[in-house]
């Protein structure tokens, strides 16, 4: 007869048991916290994104899945939805030779959450897919709200194409000159310190655009078919008829003298550009949306010999600058009129 005895457990044996039990409880706690409960918003967004992924990717092999900018609940729901559609997605697992690698990046605003999925496959190249859903309420949503206010910095009758801050002063680009304005109290128009004329041998297009760039030795002013280079102290400007690339985040060949749109190195015409979130592709590059150019826009961009100022009643329109907002290092001229 065999007898099993557990009485020979000494002090060290009991200590080991207590430690093992504590480790088991700690592991259970970490697992419970890591597997957060998904919300209906998580499930709806995961289902929508998985459906779009399944519409462009078909394979019976394993897929490497990586999700950034999302919590564990949404990531787990996306993995489950992909597997339910016949795609063998492996979340957070590095595979040697997967059928595809899917990189998903999610971002939130105050009301919505968007996820972009980019594919890394041998062939063929698959387009990125996007899914947008409502953002689930967060614990910190009831906190203090952030208020944005607008304050008039400068008002003048001549159109302002661009404004650059310079050690408490303002450098203003207009169709006929570059003006340096000094400091002033709030609500008071800054005084003119100096000005330099902008000269060109051709007429400006109707929808004139311009861009200022501060350099080490002074500034550069970009206009259609014209580049002006100058110094700040003293304020000087020397202009030449050159079509040079503008300082945009998108590579371009500049803007010709009689047009109001840009052209990429590949010959694509565009009026504006915007980056689609952070880099999500495997090579670290960003995706860009380019504003197309229509025939009506081309007609509006044709040169007009004598531009007419905006008239409201018996006063010329005034343009206001309400702060500087970066827009891919490019700004269209914004004109707003106010009554006297």
Foldseek 3Di string as FASTA:
>chain_A
DDDDDDPPQDPVNVVVVVVVVVVVVVVVVVVVVQQDADDPQLLVQLLVQLVVVLVFDDDQWEEEEEEEPDGPNSQVSNCVNNVVSNHRYDYPDDDDDTQKYWYKYWDDDPWKIKIKIAIDHDDDHTDIDMTMTTDDDDPCPPDDDDDDDWFFAAKDQFFWQDWDDDPQWIWTDGPFKIWIFHHDDGPDHTHTPDMETDDDPDFAFQQWHKAWDADPADIWIATAQKIWDFHVVVTYIDMDRHADFDQFPAAWRHHHRQAQWTAHPVGATANAKDWDDFQGDPVRDTDMDGHHADPVRRVSSGGDRDHDFDDDDPDTFMATDGDDDDGRSTDGGDGDGDDD
